[in-house]
Amino acid sequence: MREFLVAGNSGMLETNEWGLADLGNAALGTRVYGSAAISFAKVLSGRLLTYITYLQPWDYAAASILGKSLGYKVLTIAGEEVDLQTRQAVMMVPVEMKDEIQSYIYERK
């Protein structure tokens, strides 16, 4: 985990929403790009381990499709399949590291 960067939005990192700051502290560091497309592209190119934020379906649908062929999944924070119909808290993760990343992330109470 210490070799990877993670991304989200600055508000989530500041308040440790879903444990994102905990994940960032376990990782090499965090990044905030302010663009879902840029963040997903960086995950898919191997420059980020994961990207976690609230998004509309049009922001995560294409990344979900592209990710499948590259070994990534776009999931809800709870680790479930996205519904592609509503604004959701989502994360793009490499399939082989899903459980490790999920161990830092938790749903809001």
PDB file of N, CA and C in Angstrom:
ATOM      1  N   MET A   1       0.822  -1.191   0.000  1.00  0.00           N
ATOM      2  CA  MET A   1       0.000   0.000   0.000  1.00  0.00           C
ATOM      3  C   MET A   1       0.870   1.260   0.000  1.00  0.00           C
ATOM      4  N   ARG A   2       2.018   1.209   0.645  1.00  0.00           N
ATOM      5  CA  ARG A   2       2.881   2.391   0.771  1.00  0.00           C
ATOM      6  C   ARG A   2       3.491   2.832  -0.557  1.00  0.00           C
ATOM      7  N   GLU A   3       3.301   2.066  -1.598  1.00  0.00           N
ATOM      8  CA  GLU A   3       3.871   2.411  -2.904  1.00  0.00           C
ATOM      9  C   GLU A   3       2.880   3.115  -3.824  1.00  0.00           C
ATOM     10  N   PHE A   4       1.644   3.338  -3.343  1.00  0.00           N
ATOM     11  CA  PHE A   4       0.590   3.834  -4.207  1.00  0.00           C
ATOM     12  C   PHE A   4       0.009   5.160  -3.742  1.00  0.00           C
ATOM     13  N   LEU A   5      -0.529   5.919  -4.686  1.00  0.00           N
ATOM     14  CA  LEU A   5      -1.272   7.146  -4.420  1.00  0.00           C
ATOM     15  C   LEU A   5      -2.763   6.856  -4.538  1.00  0.00           C
ATOM     16  N   VAL A   6      -3.565   7.562  -3.750  1.00  0.00           N
ATOM     17  CA  VAL A   6      -5.014   7.446  -3.842  1.00  0.00           C
ATOM     18  C   VAL A   6      -5.601   8.832  -4.089  1.00  0.00           C
ATOM     19  N   ALA A   7      -6.799   8.872  -4.684  1.00  0.00           N
ATOM     20  CA  ALA A   7      -7.431  10.156  -4.988  1.00  0.00           C
ATOM     21  C   ALA A   7      -8.868  10.184  -4.496  1.00  0.00           C
ATOM     22  N   GLY A   8      -9.332  11.385  -4.218  1.00  0.00           N
ATOM     23  CA  GLY A   8     -10.708  11.632  -3.813  1.00  0.00           C
ATOM     24  C   GLY A   8     -10.942  13.124  -3.916  1.00  0.00           C
ATOM     25  N   ASN A   9     -11.930  13.620  -3.192  1.00  0.00           N
ATOM     26  CA  ASN A   9     -12.080  15.074  -3.203  1.00  0.00           C
ATOM     27  C   ASN A   9     -11.588  15.644  -1.876  1.00  0.00           C
ATOM     28  N   SER A  10     -11.236  16.919  -1.892  1.00  0.00           N
ATOM     29  CA  SER A  10     -10.586  17.525  -0.723  1.00  0.00           C
ATOM     30  C   SER A  10     -11.474  17.516   0.517  1.00  0.00           C
ATOM     31  N   GLY A  11     -12.768  17.708   0.361  1.00  0.00           N
ATOM     32  CA  GLY A  11     -13.666  17.683   1.509  1.00  0.00           C
ATOM     33  C   GLY A  11     -13.704  16.327   2.179  1.00  0.00           C
ATOM     34  N   MET A  12     -13.721  15.272   1.377  1.00  0.00           N
ATOM     35  CA  MET A  12     -13.723  13.911   1.925  1.00  0.00           C
ATOM     36  C   MET A  12     -12.418  13.610   2.650  1.00  0.00           C
ATOM     37  N   LEU A  13     -11.330  14.062   2.098  1.00  0.00           N
ATOM     38  CA  LEU A  13     -10.042  13.838   2.751  1.00  0.00           C
ATOM     39  C   LEU A  13      -9.951  14.610   4.061  1.00  0.00           C
ATOM     40  N   GLU A  14     -10.411  15.845   4.043  1.00  0.00           N
ATOM     41  CA  GLU A  14     -10.334  16.690   5.229  1.00  0.00           C
ATOM     42  C   GLU A  14     -11.140  16.123   6.394  1.00  0.00           C
ATOM     43  N   THR A  15     -12.321  15.587   6.098  1.00  0.00           N
ATOM     44  CA  THR A  15     -13.190  15.063   7.156  1.00  0.00           C
ATOM     45  C   THR A  15     -13.051  13.560   7.350  1.00  0.00           C
ATOM     46  N   ASN A  16     -12.166  12.929   6.602  1.00  0.00           N
ATOM     47  CA  ASN A  16     -11.959  11.480   6.652  1.00  0.00           C
ATOM     48  C   ASN A  16     -13.249  10.724   6.335  1.00  0.00           C
ATOM     49  N   GLU A  17     -14.050  11.291   5.428  1.00  0.00           N
ATOM     50  CA  GLU A  17     -15.294  10.642   5.037  1.00  0.00           C
ATOM     51  C   GLU A  17     -14.999   9.276   4.434  1.00  0.00           C
ATOM     52  N   TRP A  18     -15.723   8.271   4.881  1.00  0.00           N
ATOM     53  CA  TRP A  18     -15.561   6.870   4.478  1.00  0.00           C
ATOM     54  C   TRP A  18     -14.182   6.301   4.822  1.00  0.00           C
ATOM     55  N   GLY A  19     -13.406   7.000   5.623  1.00  0.00           N
ATOM     56  CA  GLY A  19     -12.063   6.522   5.951  1.00  0.00           C
ATOM     57  C   GLY A  19     -11.045   6.842   4.867  1.00  0.00           C
ATOM     58  N   LEU A  20     -11.386   7.785   3.971  1.00  0.00           N
ATOM     59  CA  LEU A  20     -10.475   8.109   2.866  1.00  0.00           C
ATOM     60  C   LEU A  20      -9.134   8.638   3.366  1.00  0.00           C
ATOM     61  N   ALA A  21      -9.130   9.467   4.408  1.00  0.00           N
ATOM     62  CA  ALA A  21      -7.857   9.959   4.951  1.00  0.00           C
ATOM     63  C   ALA A  21      -7.064   8.821   5.580  1.00  0.00           C
ATOM     64  N   ASP A  22      -7.754   7.867   6.209  1.00  0.00           N
ATOM     65  CA  ASP A  22      -7.060   6.695   6.754  1.00  0.00           C
ATOM     66  C   ASP A  22      -6.374   5.919   5.636  1.00  0.00           C
ATOM     67  N   LEU A  23      -7.082   5.735   4.536  1.00  0.00           N
ATOM     68  CA  LEU A  23      -6.502   5.050   3.382  1.00  0.00           C
ATOM     69  C   LEU A  23      -5.313   5.847   2.849  1.00  0.00           C
ATOM     70  N   GLY A  24      -5.468   7.157   2.742  1.00  0.00           N
ATOM     71  CA  GLY A  24      -4.377   8.008   2.264  1.00  0.00           C
ATOM     72  C   GLY A  24      -3.156   7.943   3.163  1.00  0.00           C
ATOM     73  N   ASN A  25      -3.378   7.868   4.475  1.00  0.00           N
ATOM     74  CA  ASN A  25      -2.256   7.754   5.410  1.00  0.00           C
ATOM     75  C   ASN A  25      -1.540   6.415   5.287  1.00  0.00           C
ATOM     76  N   ALA A  26      -2.261   5.373   4.923  1.00  0.00           N
ATOM     77  CA  ALA A  26      -1.648   4.054   4.734  1.00  0.00           C
ATOM     78  C   ALA A  26      -0.921   3.965   3.394  1.00  0.00           C
ATOM     79  N   ALA A  27      -1.324   4.814   2.459  1.00  0.00           N
ATOM     80  CA  ALA A  27      -0.720   4.825   1.124  1.00  0.00           C
ATOM     81  C   ALA A  27       0.469   5.798   1.090  1.00  0.00           C
ATOM     82  N   LEU A  28       1.071   5.898  -0.062  1.00  0.00           N
ATOM     83  CA  LEU A  28       2.174   6.840  -0.270  1.00  0.00           C
ATOM     84  C   LEU A  28       1.702   8.283  -0.098  1.00  0.00           C
ATOM     85  N   GLY A  29       0.464   8.559  -0.530  1.00  0.00           N
ATOM     86  CA  GLY A  29      -0.079   9.908  -0.420  1.00  0.00           C
ATOM     87  C   GLY A  29      -1.402  10.012  -1.138  1.00  0.00           C
ATOM     88  N   THR A  30      -1.940  11.225  -1.177  1.00  0.00           N
ATOM     89  CA  THR A  30      -3.228  11.471  -1.807  1.00  0.00           C
ATOM     90  C   THR A  30      -3.104  12.543  -2.884  1.00  0.00           C
ATOM     91  N   ARG A  31      -4.049  12.521  -3.791  1.00  0.00           N
ATOM     92  CA  ARG A  31      -4.127  13.527  -4.842  1.00  0.00           C
ATOM     93  C   ARG A  31      -5.576  13.949  -5.003  1.00  0.00           C
ATOM     94  N   VAL A  32      -5.775  15.198  -5.394  1.00  0.00           N
ATOM     95  CA  VAL A  32      -7.093  15.727  -5.705  1.00  0.00           C
ATOM     96  C   VAL A  32      -6.967  16.430  -7.052  1.00  0.00           C
ATOM     97  N   TYR A  33      -7.612  15.892  -8.069  1.00  0.00           N
ATOM     98  CA  TYR A  33      -7.517  16.460  -9.413  1.00  0.00           C
ATOM     99  C   TYR A  33      -8.717  17.329  -9.769  1.00  0.00           C
ATOM    100  N   GLY A  34      -9.847  17.147  -9.099  1.00  0.00           N
ATOM    101  CA  GLY A  34     -11.021  17.955  -9.388  1.00  0.00           C
ATOM    102  C   GLY A  34     -11.747  17.561 -10.646  1.00  0.00           C
ATOM    103  N   SER A  35     -11.414  16.412 -11.193  1.00  0.00           N
ATOM    104  CA  SER A  35     -12.056  15.933 -12.412  1.00  0.00           C
ATOM    105  C   SER A  35     -12.155  14.418 -12.354  1.00  0.00           C
ATOM    106  N   ALA A  36     -13.370  13.894 -12.501  1.00  0.00           N
ATOM    107  CA  ALA A  36     -13.547  12.441 -12.500  1.00  0.00           C
ATOM    108  C   ALA A  36     -12.816  11.815 -13.683  1.00  0.00           C
ATOM    109  N   ALA A  37     -12.903  12.435 -14.841  1.00  0.00           N
ATOM    110  CA  ALA A  37     -12.262  11.864 -16.033  1.00  0.00           C
ATOM    111  C   ALA A  37     -10.751  11.758 -15.850  1.00  0.00           C
ATOM    112  N   ILE A  38     -10.125  12.797 -15.342  1.00  0.00           N
ATOM    113  CA  ILE A  38      -8.676  12.760 -15.113  1.00  0.00           C
ATOM    114  C   ILE A  38      -8.327  11.714 -14.062  1.00  0.00           C
ATOM    115  N   SER A  39      -9.089  11.684 -12.982  1.00  0.00           N
ATOM    116  CA  SER A  39      -8.805  10.729 -11.906  1.00  0.00           C
ATOM    117  C   SER A  39      -8.958   9.290 -12.395  1.00  0.00           C
ATOM    118  N   PHE A  40     -10.037   8.993 -13.119  1.00  0.00           N
ATOM    119  CA  PHE A  40     -10.213   7.642 -13.651  1.00  0.00           C
ATOM    120  C   PHE A  40      -9.099   7.291 -14.629  1.00  0.00           C
ATOM    121  N   ALA A  41      -8.709   8.233 -15.476  1.00  0.00           N
ATOM    122  CA  ALA A  41      -7.633   7.979 -16.433  1.00  0.00           C
ATOM    123  C   ALA A  41      -6.331   7.654 -15.710  1.00  0.00           C
ATOM    124  N   LYS A  42      -6.069   8.329 -14.617  1.00  0.00           N
ATOM    125  CA  LYS A  42      -4.851   8.061 -13.847  1.00  0.00           C
ATOM    126  C   LYS A  42      -4.904   6.696 -13.166  1.00  0.00           C
ATOM    127  N   VAL A  43      -6.073   6.279 -12.711  1.00  0.00           N
ATOM    128  CA  VAL A  43      -6.198   4.931 -12.147  1.00  0.00           C
ATOM    129  C   VAL A  43      -5.961   3.904 -13.249  1.00  0.00           C
ATOM    130  N   LEU A  44      -6.626   4.079 -14.372  1.00  0.00           N
ATOM    131  CA  LEU A  44      -6.516   3.113 -15.465  1.00  0.00           C
ATOM    132  C   LEU A  44      -5.116   3.047 -16.069  1.00  0.00           C
ATOM    133  N   SER A  45      -4.338   4.120 -15.933  1.00  0.00           N
ATOM    134  CA  SER A  45      -2.968   4.113 -16.452  1.00  0.00           C
ATOM    135  C   SER A  45      -1.957   3.677 -15.400  1.00  0.00           C
ATOM    136  N   GLY A  46      -2.441   3.347 -14.205  1.00  0.00           N
ATOM    137  CA  GLY A  46      -1.553   2.866 -13.149  1.00  0.00           C
ATOM    138  C   GLY A  46      -0.879   3.949 -12.331  1.00  0.00           C
ATOM    139  N   ARG A  47      -1.294   5.196 -12.494  1.00  0.00           N
ATOM    140  CA  ARG A  47      -0.688   6.295 -11.728  1.00  0.00           C
ATOM    141  C   ARG A  47      -1.351   6.514 -10.377  1.00  0.00           C
ATOM    142  N   LEU A  48      -2.553   5.968 -10.201  1.00  0.00           N
ATOM    143  CA  LEU A  48      -3.262   6.009  -8.921  1.00  0.00           C
ATOM    144  C   LEU A  48      -3.742   4.598  -8.604  1.00  0.00           C
ATOM    145  N   LEU A  49      -3.798   4.274  -7.325  1.00  0.00           N
ATOM    146  CA  LEU A  49      -4.333   2.973  -6.920  1.00  0.00           C
ATOM    147  C   LEU A  49      -5.853   2.972  -6.981  1.00  0.00           C
ATOM    148  N   THR A  50      -6.473   4.035  -6.478  1.00  0.00           N
ATOM    149  CA  THR A  50      -7.925   4.099  -6.412  1.00  0.00           C
ATOM    150  C   THR A  50      -8.402   5.542  -6.465  1.00  0.00           C
ATOM    151  N   TYR A  51      -9.659   5.705  -6.836  1.00  0.00           N
ATOM    152  CA  TYR A  51     -10.315   7.007  -6.842  1.00  0.00           C
ATOM    153  C   TYR A  51     -11.663   6.816  -6.162  1.00  0.00           C
ATOM    154  N   ILE A  52     -11.942   7.631  -5.135  1.00  0.00           N
ATOM    155  CA  ILE A  52     -13.147   7.476  -4.328  1.00  0.00           C
ATOM    156  C   ILE A  52     -13.842   8.831  -4.189  1.00  0.00           C
ATOM    157  N   THR A  53     -15.126   8.880  -4.569  1.00  0.00           N
ATOM    158  CA  THR A  53     -15.884  10.125  -4.478  1.00  0.00           C
ATOM    159  C   THR A  53     -17.360   9.871  -4.766  1.00  0.00           C
ATOM    160  N   TYR A  54     -18.185  10.911  -4.632  1.00  0.00           N
ATOM    161  CA  TYR A  54     -19.578  10.883  -5.086  1.00  0.00           C
ATOM    162  C   TYR A  54     -19.604  11.252  -6.556  1.00  0.00           C
ATOM    163  N   LEU A  55     -20.328  10.486  -7.365  1.00  0.00           N
ATOM    164  CA  LEU A  55     -20.413  10.798  -8.789  1.00  0.00           C
ATOM    165  C   LEU A  55     -21.787  10.484  -9.349  1.00  0.00           C
ATOM    166  N   GLN A  56     -22.109  11.169 -10.432  1.00  0.00           N
ATOM    167  CA  GLN A  56     -23.298  10.862 -11.220  1.00  0.00           C
ATOM    168  C   GLN A  56     -22.962   9.690 -12.156  1.00  0.00           C
ATOM    169  N   PRO A  57     -23.966   8.957 -12.629  1.00  0.00           N
ATOM    170  CA  PRO A  57     -23.708   7.807 -13.500  1.00  0.00           C
ATOM    171  C   PRO A  57     -22.889   8.148 -14.748  1.00  0.00           C
ATOM    172  N   TRP A  58     -23.123   9.330 -15.329  1.00  0.00           N
ATOM    173  CA  TRP A  58     -22.377   9.675 -16.533  1.00  0.00           C
ATOM    174  C   TRP A  58     -20.892   9.882 -16.241  1.00  0.00           C
ATOM    175  N   ASP A  59     -20.544  10.102 -14.982  1.00  0.00           N
ATOM    176  CA  ASP A  59     -19.136  10.239 -14.614  1.00  0.00           C
ATOM    177  C   ASP A  59     -18.443   8.891 -14.441  1.00  0.00           C
ATOM    178  N   TYR A  60     -19.183   7.882 -13.996  1.00  0.00           N
ATOM    179  CA  TYR A  60     -18.529   6.605 -13.714  1.00  0.00           C
ATOM    180  C   TYR A  60     -18.872   5.483 -14.697  1.00  0.00           C
ATOM    181  N   ALA A  61     -19.852   5.662 -15.571  1.00  0.00           N
ATOM    182  CA  ALA A  61     -20.269   4.591 -16.486  1.00  0.00           C
ATOM    183  C   ALA A  61     -19.160   4.180 -17.449  1.00  0.00           C
ATOM    184  N   ALA A  62     -18.566   5.127 -18.134  1.00  0.00           N
ATOM    185  CA  ALA A  62     -17.512   4.794 -19.099  1.00  0.00           C
ATOM    186  C   ALA A  62     -16.295   4.195 -18.407  1.00  0.00           C
ATOM    187  N   ALA A  63     -15.925   4.753 -17.260  1.00  0.00           N
ATOM    188  CA  ALA A  63     -14.779   4.221 -16.519  1.00  0.00           C
ATOM    189  C   ALA A  63     -15.039   2.783 -16.084  1.00  0.00           C
ATOM    190  N   SER A  64     -16.282   2.492 -15.734  1.00  0.00           N
ATOM    191  CA  SER A  64     -16.652   1.137 -15.336  1.00  0.00           C
ATOM    192  C   SER A  64     -16.443   0.152 -16.486  1.00  0.00           C
ATOM    193  N   ILE A  65     -16.858   0.548 -17.663  1.00  0.00           N
ATOM    194  CA  ILE A  65     -16.707  -0.309 -18.848  1.00  0.00           C
ATOM    195  C   ILE A  65     -15.237  -0.484 -19.209  1.00  0.00           C
ATOM    196  N   LEU A  66     -14.487   0.619 -19.254  1.00  0.00           N
ATOM    197  CA  LEU A  66     -13.054   0.541 -19.579  1.00  0.00           C
ATOM    198  C   LEU A  66     -12.288  -0.265 -18.539  1.00  0.00           C
ATOM    199  N   GLY A  67     -12.640  -0.068 -17.285  1.00  0.00           N
ATOM    200  CA  GLY A  67     -11.928  -0.738 -16.207  1.00  0.00           C
ATOM    201  C   GLY A  67     -12.030  -2.246 -16.243  1.00  0.00           C
ATOM    202  N   LYS A  68     -13.179  -2.767 -16.651  1.00  0.00           N
ATOM    203  CA  LYS A  68     -13.370  -4.225 -16.674  1.00  0.00           C
ATOM    204  C   LYS A  68     -12.310  -4.929 -17.503  1.00  0.00           C
ATOM    205  N   SER A  69     -11.967  -4.373 -18.636  1.00  0.00           N
ATOM    206  CA  SER A  69     -10.984  -5.029 -19.504  1.00  0.00           C
ATOM    207  C   SER A  69      -9.550  -4.871 -18.996  1.00  0.00           C
ATOM    208  N   LEU A  70      -9.344  -3.981 -18.021  1.00  0.00           N
ATOM    209  CA  LEU A  70      -8.005  -3.732 -17.490  1.00  0.00           C
ATOM    210  C   LEU A  70      -7.817  -4.237 -16.060  1.00  0.00           C
ATOM    211  N   GLY A  71      -8.817  -4.949 -15.546  1.00  0.00           N
ATOM    212  CA  GLY A  71      -8.695  -5.522 -14.208  1.00  0.00           C
ATOM    213  C   GLY A  71      -9.142  -4.612 -13.076  1.00  0.00           C
ATOM    214  N   TYR A  72      -9.989  -3.633 -13.382  1.00  0.00           N
ATOM    215  CA  TYR A  72     -10.504  -2.706 -12.379  1.00  0.00           C
ATOM    216  C   TYR A  72     -12.020  -2.841 -12.292  1.00  0.00           C
ATOM    217  N   LYS A  73     -12.575  -2.446 -11.155  1.00  0.00           N
ATOM    218  CA  LYS A  73     -14.021  -2.409 -10.983  1.00  0.00           C
ATOM    219  C   LYS A  73     -14.409  -1.072 -10.367  1.00  0.00           C
ATOM    220  N   VAL A  74     -15.534  -0.547 -10.791  1.00  0.00           N
ATOM    221  CA  VAL A  74     -16.136   0.597 -10.134  1.00  0.00           C
ATOM    222  C   VAL A  74     -17.244   0.031  -9.259  1.00  0.00           C
ATOM    223  N   LEU A  75     -17.116   0.257  -7.958  1.00  0.00           N
ATOM    224  CA  LEU A  75     -18.040  -0.284  -6.967  1.00  0.00           C
ATOM    225  C   LEU A  75     -18.548   0.827  -6.063  1.00  0.00           C
ATOM    226  N   THR A  76     -19.618   0.556  -5.337  1.00  0.00           N
ATOM    227  CA  THR A  76     -20.048   1.485  -4.310  1.00  0.00           C
ATOM    228  C   THR A  76     -19.061   1.396  -3.149  1.00  0.00           C
ATOM    229  N   ILE A  77     -19.157   2.338  -2.232  1.00  0.00           N
ATOM    230  CA  ILE A  77     -18.304   2.327  -1.055  1.00  0.00           C
ATOM    231  C   ILE A  77     -18.477   1.030  -0.263  1.00  0.00           C
ATOM    232  N   ALA A  78     -19.670   0.455  -0.300  1.00  0.00           N
ATOM    233  CA  ALA A  78     -19.939  -0.803   0.397  1.00  0.00           C
ATOM    234  C   ALA A  78     -19.370  -2.009  -0.346  1.00  0.00           C
ATOM    235  N   GLY A  79     -18.780  -1.777  -1.530  1.00  0.00           N
ATOM    236  CA  GLY A  79     -18.200  -2.871  -2.303  1.00  0.00           C
ATOM    237  C   GLY A  79     -19.181  -3.586  -3.202  1.00  0.00           C
ATOM    238  N   GLU A  80     -20.337  -2.972  -3.428  1.00  0.00           N
ATOM    239  CA  GLU A  80     -21.373  -3.569  -4.276  1.00  0.00           C
ATOM    240  C   GLU A  80     -21.320  -2.986  -5.683  1.00  0.00           C
ATOM    241  N   GLU A  81     -21.998  -3.644  -6.597  1.00  0.00           N
ATOM    242  CA  GLU A  81     -22.074  -3.155  -7.977  1.00  0.00           C
ATOM    243  C   GLU A  81     -22.795  -1.805  -8.004  1.00  0.00           C
ATOM    244  N   VAL A  82     -22.332  -0.891  -8.847  1.00  0.00           N
ATOM    245  CA  VAL A  82     -23.011   0.394  -9.020  1.00  0.00           C
ATOM    246  C   VAL A  82     -24.298   0.177  -9.798  1.00  0.00           C
ATOM    247  N   ASP A  83     -25.278   1.073  -9.615  1.00  0.00           N
ATOM    248  CA  ASP A  83     -26.558   0.874 -10.299  1.00  0.00           C
ATOM    249  C   ASP A  83     -26.650   1.609 -11.637  1.00  0.00           C
ATOM    250  N   LEU A  84     -25.700   2.469 -11.942  1.00  0.00           N
ATOM    251  CA  LEU A  84     -25.658   3.216 -13.200  1.00  0.00           C
ATOM    252  C   LEU A  84     -26.913   4.068 -13.427  1.00  0.00           C
ATOM    253  N   GLN A  85     -27.617   4.403 -12.327  1.00  0.00           N
ATOM    254  CA  GLN A  85     -28.813   5.226 -12.456  1.00  0.00           C
ATOM    255  C   GLN A  85     -28.869   6.379 -11.470  1.00  0.00           C
ATOM    256  N   THR A  86     -28.069   6.336 -10.416  1.00  0.00           N
ATOM    257  CA  THR A  86     -28.151   7.371  -9.392  1.00  0.00           C
ATOM    258  C   THR A  86     -26.770   7.893  -9.023  1.00  0.00           C
ATOM    259  N   ARG A  87     -26.782   9.077  -8.425  1.00  0.00           N
ATOM    260  CA  ARG A  87     -25.546   9.628  -7.857  1.00  0.00           C
ATOM    261  C   ARG A  87     -25.164   8.750  -6.680  1.00  0.00           C
ATOM    262  N   GLN A  88     -23.927   8.271  -6.676  1.00  0.00           N
ATOM    263  CA  GLN A  88     -23.500   7.337  -5.647  1.00  0.00           C
ATOM    264  C   GLN A  88     -22.086   7.643  -5.196  1.00  0.00           C
ATOM    265  N   ALA A  89     -21.765   7.171  -4.010  1.00  0.00           N
ATOM    266  CA  ALA A  89     -20.386   7.165  -3.556  1.00  0.00           C
ATOM    267  C   ALA A  89     -19.737   5.934  -4.183  1.00  0.00           C
ATOM    268  N   VAL A  90     -18.727   6.157  -5.011  1.00  0.00           N
ATOM    269  CA  VAL A  90     -18.108   5.050  -5.749  1.00  0.00           C
ATOM    270  C   VAL A  90     -16.596   5.044  -5.560  1.00  0.00           C
ATOM    271  N   MET A  91     -16.016   3.902  -5.871  1.00  0.00           N
ATOM    272  CA  MET A  91     -14.565   3.768  -5.877  1.00  0.00           C
ATOM    273  C   MET A  91     -14.171   2.888  -7.041  1.00  0.00           C
ATOM    274  N   MET A  92     -13.087   3.258  -7.701  1.00  0.00           N
ATOM    275  CA  MET A  92     -12.513   2.400  -8.735  1.00  0.00           C
ATOM    276  C   MET A  92     -11.304   1.737  -8.106  1.00  0.00           C
ATOM    277  N   VAL A  93     -11.291   0.411  -8.135  1.00  0.00           N
ATOM    278  CA  VAL A  93     -10.221  -0.341  -7.487  1.00  0.00           C
ATOM    279  C   VAL A  93      -9.704  -1.438  -8.411  1.00  0.00           C
ATOM    280  N   PRO A  94      -8.410  -1.781  -8.292  1.00  0.00           N
ATOM    281  CA  PRO A  94      -7.930  -2.969  -8.992  1.00  0.00           C
ATOM    282  C   PRO A  94      -8.554  -4.193  -8.316  1.00  0.00           C
ATOM    283  N   VAL A  95      -9.067  -5.109  -9.093  1.00  0.00           N
ATOM    284  CA  VAL A  95      -9.780  -6.268  -8.553  1.00  0.00           C
ATOM    285  C   VAL A  95      -8.937  -7.007  -7.521  1.00  0.00           C
ATOM    286  N   GLU A  96      -7.644  -7.176  -7.783  1.00  0.00           N
ATOM    287  CA  GLU A  96      -6.803  -7.958  -6.867  1.00  0.00           C
ATOM    288  C   GLU A  96      -6.521  -7.246  -5.541  1.00  0.00           C
ATOM    289  N   MET A  97      -6.807  -5.948  -5.450  1.00  0.00           N
ATOM    290  CA  MET A  97      -6.564  -5.213  -4.201  1.00  0.00           C
ATOM    291  C   MET A  97      -7.857  -4.719  -3.549  1.00  0.00           C
ATOM    292  N   LYS A  98      -8.997  -5.161  -4.060  1.00  0.00           N
ATOM    293  CA  LYS A  98     -10.289  -4.698  -3.544  1.00  0.00           C
ATOM    294  C   LYS A  98     -10.416  -4.915  -2.045  1.00  0.00           C
ATOM    295  N   ASP A  99     -10.121  -6.112  -1.570  1.00  0.00           N
ATOM    296  CA  ASP A  99     -10.309  -6.409  -0.152  1.00  0.00           C
ATOM    297  C   ASP A  99      -9.406  -5.560   0.733  1.00  0.00           C
ATOM    298  N   GLU A 100      -8.166  -5.355   0.308  1.00  0.00           N
ATOM    299  CA  GLU A 100      -7.250  -4.534   1.103  1.00  0.00           C
ATOM    300  C   GLU A 100      -7.732  -3.087   1.171  1.00  0.00           C
ATOM    301  N   ILE A 101      -8.131  -2.533   0.036  1.00  0.00           N
ATOM    302  CA  ILE A 101      -8.650  -1.158   0.012  1.00  0.00           C
ATOM    303  C   ILE A 101      -9.935  -1.075   0.824  1.00  0.00           C
ATOM    304  N   GLN A 102     -10.817  -2.050   0.651  1.00  0.00           N
ATOM    305  CA  GLN A 102     -12.098  -2.065   1.360  1.00  0.00           C
ATOM    306  C   GLN A 102     -11.900  -2.101   2.872  1.00  0.00           C
ATOM    307  N   SER A 103     -10.793  -2.654   3.340  1.00  0.00           N
ATOM    308  CA  SER A 103     -10.566  -2.732   4.784  1.00  0.00           C
ATOM    309  C   SER A 103     -10.372  -1.345   5.417  1.00  0.00           C
ATOM    310  N   TYR A 104     -10.036  -0.337   4.615  1.00  0.00           N
ATOM    311  CA  TYR A 104      -9.886   1.039   5.121  1.00  0.00           C
ATOM    312  C   TYR A 104     -11.150   1.858   4.945  1.00  0.00           C
ATOM    313  N   ILE A 105     -12.011   1.451   4.033  1.00  0.00           N
ATOM    314  CA  ILE A 105     -13.180   2.234   3.663  1.00  0.00           C
ATOM    315  C   ILE A 105     -14.414   1.697   4.398  1.00  0.00           C
ATOM    316  N   TYR A 106     -15.216   2.595   4.886  1.00  0.00           N
ATOM    317  CA  TYR A 106     -16.434   2.199   5.588  1.00  0.00           C
ATOM    318  C   TYR A 106     -17.551   3.169   5.223  1.00  0.00           C
ATOM    319  N   GLU A 107     -18.765   2.693   5.321  1.00  0.00           N
ATOM    320  CA  GLU A 107     -19.918   3.548   5.019  1.00  0.00           C
ATOM    321  C   GLU A 107     -20.160   4.533   6.135  1.00  0.00           C
ATOM    322  N   ARG A 108     -20.709   5.690   5.760  1.00  0.00           N
ATOM    323  CA  ARG A 108     -21.081   6.683   6.773  1.00  0.00           C
ATOM    324  C   ARG A 108     -22.202   6.122   7.621  1.00  0.00           C
ATOM    325  N   LYS A 109     -22.155   6.430   8.870  1.00  0.00           N
ATOM    326  CA  LYS A 109     -23.201   5.969   9.801  1.00  0.00           C
ATOM    327  C   LYS A 109     -24.394   6.904   9.719  1.00  0.00           C
TER     328      LYS A 109
END
